[in-house]
């Protein structure tokens, strides 16, 4: 299902919108299997668990609390490198934040069955600090069915213009959070559905109490008006311009033409995984 004018209107008034379904079954299967492979490779090389027991005192790599973060994604998989350039993705982002934008960052969080913990309430703009929070958006992809029981994303609608005071999250080894009594609104999605929320929208995920793992992929996109001198685009990872006058299809940033490869990468992944 494509993004519609009604979705765009909800995004601008409430700070978020959801599209379910968004990816085709073949696209979803490719994303899921490739993410599983990436996590298997990464887990052998370094710790992915960002959850801690209490105030950073004990990292729980072998304990009960697990919130497995993988960042970035685009340097680990041709499929995920092509994902921001998928026409349906780029068209949706353009309709939400304008016609010139780049990938800002991409990451995934894997919440294992029973012991997967959530990511605490925060605003992306507490990290990115752009003047207009509607000029940046996250695209949160449900790699597995995302429900209240397994800790789907929650948002606080119509609150993106308010800036919350953040502090270090005592349940994470590096994240920040803010305090709120608002329970938010859960966004339940079937696997392959997506939620878009602007940089000012407060959001969190909850713990996974079910007997199946759950993963979500988050791509962040930023209008190019706000990228000059930006720490994240300069220092963290390759962040290709996807649309706009300065876009080269990924050639300048990645050294190869990425635009136009999405369908081929999905087909390659389908052949690889059978």
C-alpha atoms as a PDB file:
ATOM      1  CA  UNK A   1       0.000   0.000   0.000  1.00  0.00           C
ATOM      2  CA  UNK A   2       1.512   3.391  -0.958  1.00  0.00           C
ATOM      3  CA  UNK A   3       1.550   6.444   1.253  1.00  0.00           C
ATOM      4  CA  UNK A   4      -1.549   8.555   0.567  1.00  0.00           C
ATOM      5  CA  UNK A   5      -2.369  12.238   1.131  1.00  0.00           C
ATOM      6  CA  UNK A   6      -4.299  11.149   4.229  1.00  0.00           C
ATOM      7  CA  UNK A   7      -1.148   9.545   5.647  1.00  0.00           C
ATOM      8  CA  UNK A   8       0.827  12.720   4.949  1.00  0.00           C
ATOM      9  CA  UNK A   9      -1.833  14.861   6.629  1.00  0.00           C
ATOM     10  CA  UNK A  10      -1.770  12.647   9.718  1.00  0.00           C
ATOM     11  CA  UNK A  11       2.022  12.859   9.827  1.00  0.00           C
ATOM     12  CA  UNK A  12       1.944  16.654   9.788  1.00  0.00           C
ATOM     13  CA  UNK A  13      -0.822  16.986  12.370  1.00  0.00           C
ATOM     14  CA  UNK A  14      -0.074  14.094  14.730  1.00  0.00           C
ATOM     15  CA  UNK A  15       3.617  13.529  14.067  1.00  0.00           C
ATOM     16  CA  UNK A  16       3.247   9.961  12.834  1.00  0.00           C
ATOM     17  CA  UNK A  17       1.418   7.676  10.464  1.00  0.00           C
ATOM     18  CA  UNK A  18       1.380   3.950   9.693  1.00  0.00           C
ATOM     19  CA  UNK A  19       1.019   1.951   6.476  1.00  0.00           C
ATOM     20  CA  UNK A  20       0.123  -1.721   6.709  1.00  0.00           C
ATOM     21  CA  UNK A  21       1.002  -3.511   4.520  1.00  0.00           C
ATOM     22  CA  UNK A  22       3.879  -1.632   2.905  1.00  0.00           C
ATOM     23  CA  UNK A  23       6.362  -4.244   1.702  1.00  0.00           C
ATOM     24  CA  UNK A  24       5.375  -7.213  -0.437  1.00  0.00           C
ATOM     25  CA  UNK A  25       5.746 -10.736   0.962  1.00  0.00           C
ATOM     26  CA  UNK A  26       8.869 -11.293  -1.166  1.00  0.00           C
ATOM     27  CA  UNK A  27      10.422  -8.025  -0.002  1.00  0.00           C
ATOM     28  CA  UNK A  28       9.604  -8.800   3.614  1.00  0.00           C
ATOM     29  CA  UNK A  29      11.065 -12.299   3.435  1.00  0.00           C
ATOM     30  CA  UNK A  30      14.264 -10.931   1.925  1.00  0.00           C
ATOM     31  CA  UNK A  31      14.545  -8.245   4.627  1.00  0.00           C
ATOM     32  CA  UNK A  32      13.864 -10.743   7.408  1.00  0.00           C
ATOM     33  CA  UNK A  33      16.294 -13.405   6.265  1.00  0.00           C
ATOM     34  CA  UNK A  34      19.035 -10.932   5.491  1.00  0.00           C
ATOM     35  CA  UNK A  35      18.633  -9.251   8.878  1.00  0.00           C
ATOM     36  CA  UNK A  36      18.825 -12.655  10.564  1.00  0.00           C
ATOM     37  CA  UNK A  37      22.062 -13.350   8.702  1.00  0.00           C
ATOM     38  CA  UNK A  38      23.528  -9.965   9.633  1.00  0.00           C
ATOM     39  CA  UNK A  39      22.785 -10.509  13.302  1.00  0.00           C
ATOM     40  CA  UNK A  40      24.339 -13.976  13.215  1.00  0.00           C
ATOM     41  CA  UNK A  41      27.539 -12.570  11.709  1.00  0.00           C
ATOM     42  CA  UNK A  42      27.682  -9.544  14.014  1.00  0.00           C
ATOM     43  CA  UNK A  43      27.043 -11.563  17.169  1.00  0.00           C
ATOM     44  CA  UNK A  44      30.251 -13.492  16.559  1.00  0.00           C
ATOM     45  CA  UNK A  45      32.302 -10.314  16.319  1.00  0.00           C
ATOM     46  CA  UNK A  46      31.063  -7.976  19.050  1.00  0.00           C
ATOM     47  CA  UNK A  47      28.478  -7.366  21.718  1.00  0.00           C
ATOM     48  CA  UNK A  48      25.136  -6.133  20.418  1.00  0.00           C
ATOM     49  CA  UNK A  49      23.294  -5.899  23.713  1.00  0.00           C
ATOM     50  CA  UNK A  50      22.667  -2.326  24.846  1.00  0.00           C
ATOM     51  CA  UNK A  51      20.541  -3.297  27.871  1.00  0.00           C
ATOM     52  CA  UNK A  52      22.066  -3.111  31.335  1.00  0.00           C
ATOM     53  CA  UNK A  53      20.863  -4.424  34.668  1.00  0.00           C
ATOM     54  CA  UNK A  54      20.773  -1.200  36.649  1.00  0.00           C
ATOM     55  CA  UNK A  55      22.223   2.213  35.916  1.00  0.00           C
ATOM     56  CA  UNK A  56      24.895   0.811  33.635  1.00  0.00           C
ATOM     57  CA  UNK A  57      26.464  -1.323  36.348  1.00  0.00           C
ATOM     58  CA  UNK A  58      26.215  -4.719  34.678  1.00  0.00           C
ATOM     59  CA  UNK A  59      26.029  -5.474  31.005  1.00  0.00           C
ATOM     60  CA  UNK A  60      23.612  -8.344  30.546  1.00  0.00           C
ATOM     61  CA  UNK A  61      25.058 -10.121  27.528  1.00  0.00           C
ATOM     62  CA  UNK A  62      24.420 -13.477  29.165  1.00  0.00           C
ATOM     63  CA  UNK A  63      21.613 -12.358  31.459  1.00  0.00           C
ATOM     64  CA  UNK A  64      17.873 -11.985  31.208  1.00  0.00           C
ATOM     65  CA  UNK A  65      17.731  -8.514  29.681  1.00  0.00           C
ATOM     66  CA  UNK A  66      18.492  -8.153  25.989  1.00  0.00           C
ATOM     67  CA  UNK A  67      18.035  -5.296  23.537  1.00  0.00           C
ATOM     68  CA  UNK A  68      20.218  -6.158  20.556  1.00  0.00           C
ATOM     69  CA  UNK A  69      21.146  -3.116  18.487  1.00  0.00           C
ATOM     70  CA  UNK A  70      22.841  -3.380  15.092  1.00  0.00           C
ATOM     71  CA  UNK A  71      24.055  -0.098  13.572  1.00  0.00           C
ATOM     72  CA  UNK A  72      24.629   0.751  10.767  1.00  0.00           C
ATOM     73  CA  UNK A  73      23.033  -1.675   8.309  1.00  0.00           C
ATOM     74  CA  UNK A  74      23.971  -0.347   4.879  1.00  0.00           C
ATOM     75  CA  UNK A  75      27.621  -1.437   5.142  1.00  0.00           C
ATOM     76  CA  UNK A  76      26.652  -5.031   5.895  1.00  0.00           C
ATOM     77  CA  UNK A  77      24.230  -5.926   3.118  1.00  0.00           C
ATOM     78  CA  UNK A  78      23.602  -4.924  -0.517  1.00  0.00           C
ATOM     79  CA  UNK A  79      19.879  -5.369   0.153  1.00  0.00           C
ATOM     80  CA  UNK A  80      19.851  -2.940   3.055  1.00  0.00           C
ATOM     81  CA  UNK A  81      22.114  -0.548   1.152  1.00  0.00           C
ATOM     82  CA  UNK A  82      19.462  -0.453  -1.582  1.00  0.00           C
ATOM     83  CA  UNK A  83      16.523  -0.126   0.809  1.00  0.00           C
ATOM     84  CA  UNK A  84      16.524   3.708   1.140  1.00  0.00           C
ATOM     85  CA  UNK A  85      16.453   3.933  -2.670  1.00  0.00           C
ATOM     86  CA  UNK A  86      13.488   1.569  -3.087  1.00  0.00           C
ATOM     87  CA  UNK A  87      11.000   3.693  -5.051  1.00  0.00           C
ATOM     88  CA  UNK A  88       8.150   3.153  -2.575  1.00  0.00           C
ATOM     89  CA  UNK A  89      10.414   4.195   0.304  1.00  0.00           C
ATOM     90  CA  UNK A  90      11.833   7.271  -1.403  1.00  0.00           C
ATOM     91  CA  UNK A  91       8.401   8.356  -2.661  1.00  0.00           C
ATOM     92  CA  UNK A  92       6.916   8.081   0.834  1.00  0.00           C
ATOM     93  CA  UNK A  93       9.735  10.009   2.479  1.00  0.00           C
ATOM     94  CA  UNK A  94       9.571  12.714  -0.181  1.00  0.00           C
ATOM     95  CA  UNK A  95       5.853  13.166   0.458  1.00  0.00           C
ATOM     96  CA  UNK A  96       6.527  13.604   4.169  1.00  0.00           C
ATOM     97  CA  UNK A  97       9.652  15.756   4.500  1.00  0.00           C
ATOM     98  CA  UNK A  98      10.251  17.295   1.054  1.00  0.00           C
ATOM     99  CA  UNK A  99      11.946  16.567  -2.241  1.00  0.00           C
ATOM    100  CA  UNK A 100      15.607  16.724  -1.164  1.00  0.00           C
ATOM    101  CA  UNK A 101      16.763  14.347   1.563  1.00  0.00           C
ATOM    102  CA  UNK A 102      19.372  11.832   2.573  1.00  0.00           C
ATOM    103  CA  UNK A 103      19.585   8.700   4.641  1.00  0.00           C
ATOM    104  CA  UNK A 104      20.571   9.937   8.090  1.00  0.00           C
ATOM    105  CA  UNK A 105      21.188   6.611   9.783  1.00  0.00           C
ATOM    106  CA  UNK A 106      19.917   3.043   9.747  1.00  0.00           C
ATOM    107  CA  UNK A 107      19.757   0.524  12.557  1.00  0.00           C
ATOM    108  CA  UNK A 108      17.866  -2.470  13.892  1.00  0.00           C
ATOM    109  CA  UNK A 109      16.754  -3.682  17.306  1.00  0.00           C
ATOM    110  CA  UNK A 110      16.176  -7.378  17.968  1.00  0.00           C
ATOM    111  CA  UNK A 111      14.108  -8.308  21.033  1.00  0.00           C
ATOM    112  CA  UNK A 112      14.530 -12.005  21.917  1.00  0.00           C
ATOM    113  CA  UNK A 113      11.553 -14.014  23.147  1.00  0.00           C
ATOM    114  CA  UNK A 114      10.689 -13.499  26.824  1.00  0.00           C
ATOM    115  CA  UNK A 115      13.829 -11.488  27.668  1.00  0.00           C
ATOM    116  CA  UNK A 116      13.758  -8.741  25.048  1.00  0.00           C
ATOM    117  CA  UNK A 117      13.446  -5.341  26.706  1.00  0.00           C
ATOM    118  CA  UNK A 118      12.200  -2.122  25.206  1.00  0.00           C
ATOM    119  CA  UNK A 119      13.867   1.108  24.188  1.00  0.00           C
ATOM    120  CA  UNK A 120      12.817   3.854  26.604  1.00  0.00           C
ATOM    121  CA  UNK A 121      10.824   6.975  25.748  1.00  0.00           C
ATOM    122  CA  UNK A 122      12.815   9.492  23.726  1.00  0.00           C
ATOM    123  CA  UNK A 123      12.658  11.948  20.859  1.00  0.00           C
ATOM    124  CA  UNK A 124      15.047  11.495  17.959  1.00  0.00           C
ATOM    125  CA  UNK A 125      15.527  15.238  17.919  1.00  0.00           C
ATOM    126  CA  UNK A 126      17.160  15.042  21.340  1.00  0.00           C
ATOM    127  CA  UNK A 127      20.033  13.462  19.417  1.00  0.00           C
ATOM    128  CA  UNK A 128      19.786  15.330  16.106  1.00  0.00           C
ATOM    129  CA  UNK A 129      18.630  18.803  17.207  1.00  0.00           C
ATOM    130  CA  UNK A 130      17.201  20.118  13.936  1.00  0.00           C
ATOM    131  CA  UNK A 131      15.171  23.323  13.988  1.00  0.00           C
ATOM    132  CA  UNK A 132      12.032  21.851  12.389  1.00  0.00           C
ATOM    133  CA  UNK A 133      11.325  18.314  13.620  1.00  0.00           C
ATOM    134  CA  UNK A 134       8.958  17.704  10.700  1.00  0.00           C
ATOM    135  CA  UNK A 135      11.930  17.842   8.311  1.00  0.00           C
ATOM    136  CA  UNK A 136      13.271  14.532   9.579  1.00  0.00           C
ATOM    137  CA  UNK A 137      11.465  11.219   9.770  1.00  0.00           C
ATOM    138  CA  UNK A 138      12.083   7.696  10.957  1.00  0.00           C
ATOM    139  CA  UNK A 139      10.662   4.762   9.045  1.00  0.00           C
ATOM    140  CA  UNK A 140      10.145   1.870  11.475  1.00  0.00           C
ATOM    141  CA  UNK A 141       9.715  -1.485   9.734  1.00  0.00           C
ATOM    142  CA  UNK A 142       8.062  -4.424  11.463  1.00  0.00           C
ATOM    143  CA  UNK A 143      10.261  -7.353  10.465  1.00  0.00           C
ATOM    144  CA  UNK A 144       7.996  -9.652  12.479  1.00  0.00           C
ATOM    145  CA  UNK A 145       4.402  -9.022  13.538  1.00  0.00           C
ATOM    146  CA  UNK A 146       4.564  -6.148  16.032  1.00  0.00           C
ATOM    147  CA  UNK A 147       1.932  -6.340  18.779  1.00  0.00           C
ATOM    148  CA  UNK A 148       1.344  -5.001  22.255  1.00  0.00           C
ATOM    149  CA  UNK A 149       2.367  -8.384  23.661  1.00  0.00           C
ATOM    150  CA  UNK A 150       5.760  -8.383  21.973  1.00  0.00           C
ATOM    151  CA  UNK A 151       6.483  -4.719  22.625  1.00  0.00           C
ATOM    152  CA  UNK A 152       5.593  -2.852  19.437  1.00  0.00           C
ATOM    153  CA  UNK A 153       6.461   0.804  19.026  1.00  0.00           C
ATOM    154  CA  UNK A 154       4.397   3.361  20.981  1.00  0.00           C
ATOM    155  CA  UNK A 155       4.092   7.056  20.137  1.00  0.00           C
ATOM    156  CA  UNK A 156       2.645  10.155  21.809  1.00  0.00           C
ATOM    157  CA  UNK A 157       0.608  11.901  19.080  1.00  0.00           C
ATOM    158  CA  UNK A 158       0.439  15.666  18.568  1.00  0.00           C
ATOM    159  CA  UNK A 159       3.438  16.320  20.800  1.00  0.00           C
ATOM    160  CA  UNK A 160       6.291  16.732  18.314  1.00  0.00           C
ATOM    161  CA  UNK A 161       6.572  20.483  18.859  1.00  0.00           C
ATOM    162  CA  UNK A 162       7.355  20.081  22.560  1.00  0.00           C
ATOM    163  CA  UNK A 163      10.958  19.579  23.594  1.00  0.00           C
ATOM    164  CA  UNK A 164      11.448  17.187  26.507  1.00  0.00           C
ATOM    165  CA  UNK A 165      14.455  17.335  28.779  1.00  0.00           C
ATOM    166  CA  UNK A 166      16.381  14.100  28.305  1.00  0.00           C
ATOM    167  CA  UNK A 167      18.832  12.379  30.606  1.00  0.00           C
ATOM    168  CA  UNK A 168      20.928   9.243  30.479  1.00  0.00           C
ATOM    169  CA  UNK A 169      18.807   6.084  30.316  1.00  0.00           C
ATOM    170  CA  UNK A 170      19.767   3.913  33.320  1.00  0.00           C
ATOM    171  CA  UNK A 171      18.583   0.796  31.472  1.00  0.00           C
ATOM    172  CA  UNK A 172      20.863   1.314  28.458  1.00  0.00           C
ATOM    173  CA  UNK A 173      24.599   1.524  28.020  1.00  0.00           C
ATOM    174  CA  UNK A 174      24.366   4.665  25.871  1.00  0.00           C
ATOM    175  CA  UNK A 175      20.812   5.821  25.162  1.00  0.00           C
ATOM    176  CA  UNK A 176      18.986   8.827  26.590  1.00  0.00           C
ATOM    177  CA  UNK A 177      15.390   9.116  27.785  1.00  0.00           C
ATOM    178  CA  UNK A 178      12.881  11.480  29.368  1.00  0.00           C
ATOM    179  CA  UNK A 179      10.299  10.987  32.085  1.00  0.00           C
ATOM    180  CA  UNK A 180       6.591  10.915  31.280  1.00  0.00           C
ATOM    181  CA  UNK A 181       3.349   9.552  32.701  1.00  0.00           C
ATOM    182  CA  UNK A 182       1.820   9.371  29.222  1.00  0.00           C
ATOM    183  CA  UNK A 183       1.281   5.750  28.172  1.00  0.00           C
ATOM    184  CA  UNK A 184       1.294   6.653  24.492  1.00  0.00           C
ATOM    185  CA  UNK A 185      -0.494   4.898  21.650  1.00  0.00           C
ATOM    186  CA  UNK A 186       0.671   1.458  20.498  1.00  0.00           C
ATOM    187  CA  UNK A 187       1.139   1.057  16.760  1.00  0.00           C
ATOM    188  CA  UNK A 188       0.439  -2.583  15.962  1.00  0.00           C
ATOM    189  CA  UNK A 189       1.665  -3.743  12.563  1.00  0.00           C
ATOM    190  CA  UNK A 190       1.724  -6.986  10.664  1.00  0.00           C
ATOM    191  CA  UNK A 191       5.178  -7.989   9.468  1.00  0.00           C
ATOM    192  CA  UNK A 192       6.027  -5.773   6.503  1.00  0.00           C
ATOM    193  CA  UNK A 193       4.042  -2.810   7.802  1.00  0.00           C
ATOM    194  CA  UNK A 194       5.775   0.473   8.607  1.00  0.00           C
ATOM    195  CA  UNK A 195       5.341   3.473  10.862  1.00  0.00           C
ATOM    196  CA  UNK A 196       6.695   6.906   9.999  1.00  0.00           C
ATOM    197  CA  UNK A 197       7.234   9.415  12.807  1.00  0.00           C
ATOM    198  CA  UNK A 198       8.952  12.772  12.726  1.00  0.00           C
ATOM    199  CA  UNK A 199      12.052  13.635  14.722  1.00  0.00           C
ATOM    200  CA  UNK A 200      10.035  15.381  17.418  1.00  0.00           C
ATOM    201  CA  UNK A 201       7.547  12.580  18.109  1.00  0.00           C
ATOM    202  CA  UNK A 202       8.132  10.858  21.468  1.00  0.00           C
ATOM    203  CA  UNK A 203       8.295   7.094  21.029  1.00  0.00           C
ATOM    204  CA  UNK A 204       9.410   3.922  22.737  1.00  0.00           C
ATOM    205  CA  UNK A 205       9.149   0.167  22.453  1.00  0.00           C
ATOM    206  CA  UNK A 206       8.154  -2.264  25.181  1.00  0.00           C
ATOM    207  CA  UNK A 207       9.382  -5.642  26.350  1.00  0.00           C
ATOM    208  CA  UNK A 208       8.771  -8.840  24.406  1.00  0.00           C
ATOM    209  CA  UNK A 209       6.847 -11.230  26.664  1.00  0.00           C
ATOM    210  CA  UNK A 210       6.001 -13.724  23.928  1.00  0.00           C
ATOM    211  CA  UNK A 211       7.734 -16.950  22.928  1.00  0.00           C
ATOM    212  CA  UNK A 212       8.912 -15.568  19.560  1.00  0.00           C
ATOM    213  CA  UNK A 213      11.639 -13.055  18.734  1.00  0.00           C
ATOM    214  CA  UNK A 214      10.684  -9.649  17.347  1.00  0.00           C
ATOM    215  CA  UNK A 215      12.806  -7.247  15.323  1.00  0.00           C
ATOM    216  CA  UNK A 216      12.305  -3.747  14.008  1.00  0.00           C
ATOM    217  CA  UNK A 217      14.420  -1.862  11.470  1.00  0.00           C
ATOM    218  CA  UNK A 218      14.587   1.932  11.698  1.00  0.00           C
ATOM    219  CA  UNK A 219      15.762   4.119   8.834  1.00  0.00           C
ATOM    220  CA  UNK A 220      16.068   7.839   9.501  1.00  0.00           C
ATOM    221  CA  UNK A 221      15.855  10.419   6.725  1.00  0.00           C
ATOM    222  CA  UNK A 222      16.779  14.090   6.946  1.00  0.00           C
ATOM    223  CA  UNK A 223      16.014  16.976   4.603  1.00  0.00           C
ATOM    224  CA  UNK A 224      19.243  18.238   3.079  1.00  0.00           C
ATOM    225  CA  UNK A 225      18.589  21.757   4.389  1.00  0.00           C
ATOM    226  CA  UNK A 226      19.714  20.437   7.786  1.00  0.00           C
ATOM    227  CA  UNK A 227      22.739  18.290   6.942  1.00  0.00           C
ATOM    228  CA  UNK A 228      25.521  20.858   6.623  1.00  0.00           C
ATOM    229  CA  UNK A 229      27.952  20.310   9.474  1.00  0.00           C
ATOM    230  CA  UNK A 230      25.750  17.575  10.918  1.00  0.00           C
ATOM    231  CA  UNK A 231      27.748  15.210  13.151  1.00  0.00           C
ATOM    232  CA  UNK A 232      25.807  12.123  12.140  1.00  0.00           C
ATOM    233  CA  UNK A 233      26.209  12.583   8.405  1.00  0.00           C
ATOM    234  CA  UNK A 234      29.851  13.620   8.669  1.00  0.00           C
ATOM    235  CA  UNK A 235      31.216  11.071  11.096  1.00  0.00           C
ATOM    236  CA  UNK A 236      28.991   8.094  11.743  1.00  0.00           C
ATOM    237  CA  UNK A 237      28.469   6.249   8.471  1.00  0.00           C
ATOM    238  CA  UNK A 238      27.834   6.599   4.776  1.00  0.00           C
ATOM    239  CA  UNK A 239      24.675   8.650   4.373  1.00  0.00           C
ATOM    240  CA  UNK A 240      23.770   8.952   0.706  1.00  0.00           C
ATOM    241  CA  UNK A 241      21.512  11.675  -0.614  1.00  0.00           C
ATOM    242  CA  UNK A 242      18.471   9.803  -1.940  1.00  0.00           C
ATOM    243  CA  UNK A 243      16.509  12.562  -3.674  1.00  0.00           C
ATOM    244  CA  UNK A 244      17.244  16.144  -4.668  1.00  0.00           C
ATOM    245  CA  UNK A 245      19.577  18.210  -6.858  1.00  0.00           C
ATOM    246  CA  UNK A 246      22.713  16.807  -5.193  1.00  0.00           C
ATOM    247  CA  UNK A 247      21.642  13.156  -5.404  1.00  0.00           C
ATOM    248  CA  UNK A 248      23.907  10.833  -7.406  1.00  0.00           C
ATOM    249  CA  UNK A 249      22.078   7.576  -6.712  1.00  0.00           C
ATOM    250  CA  UNK A 250      24.617   6.715  -4.028  1.00  0.00           C
ATOM    251  CA  UNK A 251      27.601   6.931  -6.364  1.00  0.00           C
ATOM    252  CA  UNK A 252      29.347   9.802  -4.577  1.00  0.00           C
ATOM    253  CA  UNK A 253      28.900   8.480  -1.051  1.00  0.00           C
ATOM    254  CA  UNK A 254      29.117   4.725  -1.624  1.00  0.00           C
ATOM    255  CA  UNK A 255      31.296   4.523  -4.706  1.00  0.00           C
ATOM    256  CA  UNK A 256      28.650   2.678  -6.705  1.00  0.00           C
ATOM    257  CA  UNK A 257      25.219   3.307  -8.197  1.00  0.00           C
ATOM    258  CA  UNK A 258      22.641   2.111  -5.679  1.00  0.00           C
ATOM    259  CA  UNK A 259      19.500   3.686  -7.092  1.00  0.00           C
ATOM    260  CA  UNK A 260      17.626   1.260  -9.314  1.00  0.00           C
ATOM    261  CA  UNK A 261      18.994  -1.896  -7.643  1.00  0.00           C
ATOM    262  CA  UNK A 262      16.224  -2.621  -5.135  1.00  0.00           C
ATOM    263  CA  UNK A 263      14.236  -5.135  -7.188  1.00  0.00           C
ATOM    264  CA  UNK A 264      17.428  -6.945  -8.219  1.00  0.00           C
ATOM    265  CA  UNK A 265      18.635  -7.157  -4.627  1.00  0.00           C
ATOM    266  CA  UNK A 266      15.300  -8.593  -3.508  1.00  0.00           C
ATOM    267  CA  UNK A 267      15.471 -11.165  -6.305  1.00  0.00           C
ATOM    268  CA  UNK A 268      19.064 -12.047  -5.397  1.00  0.00           C
ATOM    269  CA  UNK A 269      18.110 -12.510  -1.770  1.00  0.00           C
ATOM    270  CA  UNK A 270      15.141 -14.673  -2.761  1.00  0.00           C
ATOM    271  CA  UNK A 271      17.447 -16.870  -4.859  1.00  0.00           C
ATOM    272  CA  UNK A 272      20.004 -17.054  -2.064  1.00  0.00           C
ATOM    273  CA  UNK A 273      17.565 -18.119   0.606  1.00  0.00           C
ATOM    274  CA  UNK A 274      15.359 -20.224  -1.633  1.00  0.00           C
END
